[in-house]
Protein backbone atom coordinates (compact mmCIF):
# COMPACT_ATOMS: atom_id res chain seq x y z
CA UNK A 1 -13.43 19.10 0.98
CA UNK A 2 -10.34 20.04 -1.06
CA UNK A 3 -8.73 21.46 2.10
CA UNK A 4 -9.32 18.14 3.89
CA UNK A 5 -7.62 16.25 1.07
CA UNK A 6 -4.56 18.50 1.02
CA UNK A 7 -4.31 18.61 4.81
CA UNK A 8 -4.33 14.82 4.87
CA UNK A 9 -1.81 14.67 2.00
CA UNK A 10 0.57 16.90 3.98
CA UNK A 11 0.08 14.85 7.14
CA UNK A 12 0.80 11.58 5.35
CA UNK A 13 3.84 13.01 3.60
CA UNK A 14 5.30 14.25 6.88
CA UNK A 15 4.63 10.82 8.40
CA UNK A 16 6.29 9.05 5.46
CA UNK A 17 3.07 7.29 4.45
CA UNK A 18 2.59 6.68 0.70
CA UNK A 19 -0.76 7.50 -0.91
CA UNK A 20 -2.29 8.43 -4.27
CA UNK A 21 -3.93 11.73 -5.16
CA UNK A 22 -6.76 11.11 -7.65
CA UNK A 23 -8.04 14.20 -9.49
CA UNK A 24 -10.87 14.48 -11.99
CA UNK A 25 -9.27 16.26 -14.96
CA UNK A 26 -12.06 16.03 -17.58
CA UNK A 27 -15.75 15.26 -17.71
CA UNK A 28 -18.33 15.11 -20.48
CA UNK A 29 -22.07 14.79 -20.11
CA UNK A 30 -23.71 13.86 -16.83
CA UNK A 31 -21.20 12.83 -14.10
CA UNK A 32 -21.39 12.68 -10.29
CA UNK A 33 -18.50 15.13 -9.82
CA UNK A 34 -16.85 17.63 -12.12
CA UNK A 35 -13.31 18.70 -12.97
CA UNK A 36 -10.96 19.30 -9.99
CA UNK A 37 -12.81 16.91 -7.65
CA UNK A 38 -10.16 15.04 -5.64
CA UNK A 39 -9.67 12.17 -3.27
CA UNK A 40 -6.72 10.62 -1.49
CA UNK A 41 -6.27 6.84 -1.34
CA UNK A 42 -3.85 4.87 0.85
CA UNK A 43 -2.55 1.33 0.49
CA UNK A 44 -5.45 -0.16 2.46
CA UNK A 45 -8.04 1.52 0.23
CA UNK A 46 -8.98 4.15 2.80
CA UNK A 47 -10.29 7.27 1.07
CA UNK A 48 -10.29 10.95 2.03
CA UNK A 49 -12.48 13.14 -0.19
CA UNK A 50 -14.59 11.85 -3.07
CA UNK A 51 -14.78 11.88 -6.84
CA UNK A 52 -18.44 10.90 -6.85
CA UNK A 53 -18.92 7.60 -5.07
CA UNK A 54 -20.42 4.47 -6.62
CA UNK A 55 -18.72 2.29 -9.18
CA UNK A 56 -16.44 5.04 -10.54
CA UNK A 57 -14.94 5.68 -7.11
CA UNK A 58 -14.50 1.96 -6.46
CA UNK A 59 -12.68 1.45 -9.78
CA UNK A 60 -10.34 4.38 -9.18
CA UNK A 61 -9.69 3.34 -5.57
CA UNK A 62 -8.70 -0.16 -6.69
CA UNK A 63 -6.40 1.31 -9.35
CA UNK A 64 -4.76 3.55 -6.73
CA UNK A 65 -4.16 0.64 -4.35
CA UNK A 66 -2.59 -1.33 -7.21
CA UNK A 67 -0.33 1.65 -7.96
CA UNK A 68 0.91 1.78 -4.39
CA UNK A 69 1.75 -1.92 -4.49
CA UNK A 70 4.42 -1.02 -7.05
CA UNK A 71 6.26 1.02 -4.40
CA UNK A 72 8.86 3.47 -5.67
CA UNK A 73 8.36 2.16 -9.23
CA UNK A 74 4.80 3.55 -9.34
CA UNK A 75 4.13 6.11 -12.07
CA UNK A 76 1.13 8.42 -12.60
CA UNK A 77 -1.81 7.02 -14.53
CA UNK A 78 -4.63 8.64 -16.47
CA UNK A 79 -7.85 6.60 -16.21
CA UNK A 80 -10.75 7.05 -18.64
CA UNK A 81 -14.27 5.72 -18.08
CA UNK A 82 -17.61 5.87 -19.87
CA UNK A 83 -19.90 5.64 -16.87
CA UNK A 84 -22.73 3.76 -18.59
CA UNK A 85 -20.98 1.60 -21.19
CA UNK A 86 -18.09 0.49 -18.95
CA UNK A 87 -19.38 0.84 -15.39
CA UNK A 88 -23.14 0.41 -15.71
CA UNK A 89 -23.86 3.74 -14.04
CA UNK A 90 -26.99 5.69 -15.04
CA UNK A 91 -25.19 9.03 -15.39
CA UNK A 92 -24.22 8.42 -19.01
CA UNK A 93 -21.21 10.73 -19.07
CA UNK A 94 -17.46 10.31 -19.26
CA UNK A 95 -14.75 10.97 -16.68
CA UNK A 96 -10.96 11.13 -16.79
CA UNK A 97 -9.09 10.79 -13.51
CA UNK A 98 -5.38 11.48 -13.03
CA UNK A 99 -3.89 9.25 -10.34
CA UNK A 100 -0.61 10.55 -8.94
CA UNK A 101 1.33 8.33 -6.52
CA UNK A 102 2.81 10.26 -3.59
CA UNK A 103 5.63 8.03 -2.37
CA UNK A 104 7.75 9.93 0.17
CA UNK A 105 11.51 9.89 -0.09
CA UNK A 106 12.91 7.09 2.06
CA UNK A 107 14.30 8.28 5.40
CA UNK A 108 18.06 8.20 5.82
CA UNK A 109 18.91 8.21 9.52
CA UNK A 110 22.43 9.50 10.07
CA UNK A 111 23.68 8.62 13.55
CA UNK A 112 26.40 11.13 14.29
CA UNK A 113 26.71 14.78 13.29
CA UNK A 114 30.39 15.05 12.45
CA UNK A 115 32.28 15.85 9.26
CA UNK A 116 30.96 12.89 7.25
CA UNK A 117 27.38 13.72 8.21
CA UNK A 118 27.82 17.35 7.15
CA UNK A 119 28.99 16.22 3.72
CA UNK A 120 26.40 13.45 3.41
CA UNK A 121 23.20 15.36 4.29
CA UNK A 122 23.08 17.74 1.27
CA UNK A 123 24.20 14.93 -1.03
CA UNK A 124 21.46 12.64 0.31
CA UNK A 125 18.79 15.27 -0.39
CA UNK A 126 20.01 15.65 -3.96
CA UNK A 127 19.76 11.88 -4.67
CA UNK A 128 16.28 11.36 -3.25
CA UNK A 129 16.62 10.59 0.44
CA UNK A 130 15.14 12.39 3.45
CA UNK A 131 18.07 12.79 5.87
CA UNK A 132 17.47 12.75 9.63
CA UNK A 133 20.47 13.68 11.79
CA UNK A 134 20.78 12.20 15.29
CA UNK A 135 23.38 13.24 17.84
CA UNK A 136 23.61 14.14 21.53
CA UNK A 137 25.12 17.22 23.11
CA UNK A 138 28.55 16.86 24.71
CA UNK A 139 29.01 16.95 28.47
CA UNK A 140 29.82 20.62 28.03
CA UNK A 141 26.45 21.20 26.40
CA UNK A 142 27.73 21.65 22.83
CA UNK A 143 25.08 20.58 20.30
CA UNK A 144 25.92 19.26 16.85
CA UNK A 145 22.55 18.23 15.35
CA UNK A 146 21.42 21.82 14.81
CA UNK A 147 19.63 23.64 12.01
CA UNK A 148 22.67 25.85 11.47
CA UNK A 149 24.87 22.83 10.76
CA UNK A 150 22.24 20.80 8.91
CA UNK A 151 19.69 23.09 7.21
CA UNK A 152 18.97 20.43 4.55
CA UNK A 153 17.98 17.75 7.09
CA UNK A 154 14.25 17.05 7.35
CA UNK A 155 14.65 16.39 11.07
CA UNK A 156 17.30 16.84 13.76
CA UNK A 157 17.18 14.74 16.94
CA UNK A 158 19.31 15.31 20.05
CA UNK A 159 19.06 11.82 21.55
CA UNK A 160 20.40 8.36 20.74
CA UNK A 161 17.57 6.80 22.75
CA UNK A 162 15.19 5.06 20.31
CA UNK A 163 12.29 5.97 22.60
CA UNK A 164 12.84 9.61 21.63
CA UNK A 165 12.74 8.91 17.89
CA UNK A 166 9.48 9.74 16.11
CA UNK A 167 10.52 8.36 12.73
CA UNK A 168 10.03 4.73 11.59
CA UNK A 169 12.72 2.06 11.70
CA UNK A 170 11.32 -0.32 9.10
CA UNK A 171 12.13 -1.80 5.71
CA UNK A 172 11.97 1.65 4.05
CA UNK A 173 14.51 3.17 6.43
CA UNK A 174 18.21 3.56 5.61
CA UNK A 175 20.59 4.00 8.56
CA UNK A 176 24.28 4.98 8.70
CA UNK A 177 26.33 4.88 11.89
CA UNK A 178 29.04 7.55 11.83
CA UNK A 179 29.39 8.74 15.43
CA UNK A 180 32.56 10.06 17.09
CA UNK A 181 32.73 7.18 19.59
CA UNK A 182 33.49 3.51 18.90
CA UNK A 183 31.64 2.33 22.01
CA UNK A 184 28.56 4.25 20.89
CA UNK A 185 28.88 2.78 17.39
CA UNK A 186 28.89 -0.70 18.96
CA UNK A 187 25.88 0.09 21.14
CA UNK A 188 23.87 1.44 18.21
CA UNK A 189 24.84 -1.52 16.03
CA UNK A 190 23.65 -3.96 18.68
CA UNK A 191 20.36 -2.06 18.95
CA UNK A 192 19.69 -1.91 15.22
CA UNK A 193 21.18 -5.07 13.71
CA UNK A 194 18.10 -7.16 14.45
CA UNK A 195 15.72 -4.75 12.72
CA UNK A 196 14.48 -5.27 9.17
CA UNK A 197 15.98 -2.09 7.70
CA UNK A 198 16.50 -1.21 4.06
CA UNK A 199 20.15 -0.49 4.79
CA UNK A 200 22.45 -0.47 7.81
CA UNK A 201 25.94 0.95 7.27
CA UNK A 202 28.80 1.27 9.75
CA UNK A 203 31.85 3.46 9.28
CA UNK A 204 35.28 2.17 10.27
CA UNK A 205 38.30 0.16 9.25
CA UNK A 206 38.14 -3.55 8.53
CA UNK A 207 39.92 -4.17 11.84
CA UNK A 208 37.25 -2.22 13.71
CA UNK A 209 34.47 -4.12 11.91
CA UNK A 210 36.05 -7.50 12.71
CA UNK A 211 36.42 -6.49 16.36
CA UNK A 212 32.75 -5.44 16.49
CA UNK A 213 31.67 -8.75 14.98
CA UNK A 214 33.71 -10.69 17.52
CA UNK A 215 31.97 -8.77 20.30
CA UNK A 216 28.57 -9.51 18.81
CA UNK A 217 29.34 -13.23 18.66
CA UNK A 218 30.57 -13.13 22.26
CA UNK A 219 27.27 -11.51 23.28
CA UNK A 220 25.27 -14.24 21.57
CA UNK A 221 24.17 -12.49 18.37
CA UNK A 222 23.38 -14.74 15.41
CA UNK A 223 26.27 -14.54 12.93
CA UNK A 224 23.82 -14.54 10.02
CA UNK A 225 22.83 -11.01 11.07
CA UNK A 226 26.25 -9.77 9.93
CA UNK A 227 25.05 -9.97 6.33
CA UNK A 228 22.75 -7.04 7.08
CA UNK A 229 25.67 -4.69 7.77
CA UNK A 230 27.36 -2.66 5.05
CA UNK A 231 30.78 -2.32 6.61
CA UNK A 232 33.14 -0.75 5.98
CA UNK A 233 30.46 1.65 4.77
CA UNK A 234 30.30 2.88 1.17
CA UNK A 235 31.56 1.59 -2.16
CA UNK A 236 35.28 0.87 -2.34
CA UNK A 237 36.43 3.87 -4.41
CA UNK A 238 39.46 4.83 -2.32
CA UNK A 239 37.59 7.59 -0.49
CA UNK A 240 39.58 9.44 2.19
CA UNK A 241 38.15 12.89 2.91
CA UNK A 242 34.70 13.36 4.49
CA UNK A 243 33.38 14.57 1.15
CA UNK A 244 34.76 11.53 -0.68
CA UNK A 245 33.41 9.19 1.99
CA UNK A 246 29.98 10.84 1.61
CA UNK A 247 30.11 10.17 -2.14
CA UNK A 248 31.03 6.51 -1.51
CA UNK A 249 28.13 6.17 0.94
CA UNK A 250 25.74 7.92 -1.44
CA UNK A 251 26.76 5.61 -4.26
CA UNK A 252 26.13 2.55 -2.09
CA UNK A 253 22.72 3.91 -1.03
CA UNK A 254 21.78 4.35 -4.69
CA UNK A 255 22.99 0.83 -5.47
CA UNK A 256 20.95 -0.72 -2.63
CA UNK A 257 17.84 1.31 -3.48
CA UNK A 258 18.07 0.32 -7.16
CA UNK A 259 18.42 -3.36 -6.24
CA UNK A 260 15.38 -3.14 -3.97
CA UNK A 261 13.32 -1.53 -6.76
CA UNK A 262 14.43 -4.25 -9.17
CA UNK A 263 13.29 -6.99 -6.77
CA UNK A 264 9.83 -5.38 -6.51
CA UNK A 265 9.25 -5.15 -10.28
């Protein structure tokens, strides 16, 4: 049973799915399960494993679901129950259950594997993001999104075709567009601007950004969508080198993430 719980925990973590690990840490008297019994609970209340069933499991499951509703602000909780006095169970004992939210780091999709990406990936890992590097090989077959160049990335993808991407593009996903080609930047922006992302950043000068917006208007895109773009990307700190630009982007990612957490509390 424990193996099933940990296997499922690993699967959900790799898939970016939040859940709560509930572990019995103390018992006294007669209880349905003893210390080290575990179960995993997701946001819908689905359970893998068991801490004993009945009212105790229902109470803990509800508490776990409520934890997950707090998102990244969720903190571990220690729950204490007297099974008879509080829950009306016949066992008569006491149980303490430690509920630990497992909220995966938000994915940071970096489109382009150039100098900025190389500086940004290790920084992103250190500030709590899960970087995914996307790039395509050149016509000569030279690959850039490789393990050797990006050992800290959680995933490396050699295609800009969204149909080849196995990661989510939802309101937990942060995306930065930093490719080597302006036409590709424009194409990716047009593909992603309509999605409800946590963050969409585009590298480039103000002139480039204005030109891109004019093209979007000409193609019939709603101008209100422009508010979704962080462009020029990063906080305005006078960054010039790839390393400085990565710091500016990282700072903006932290700022956006903090604002999102604040709105959810």
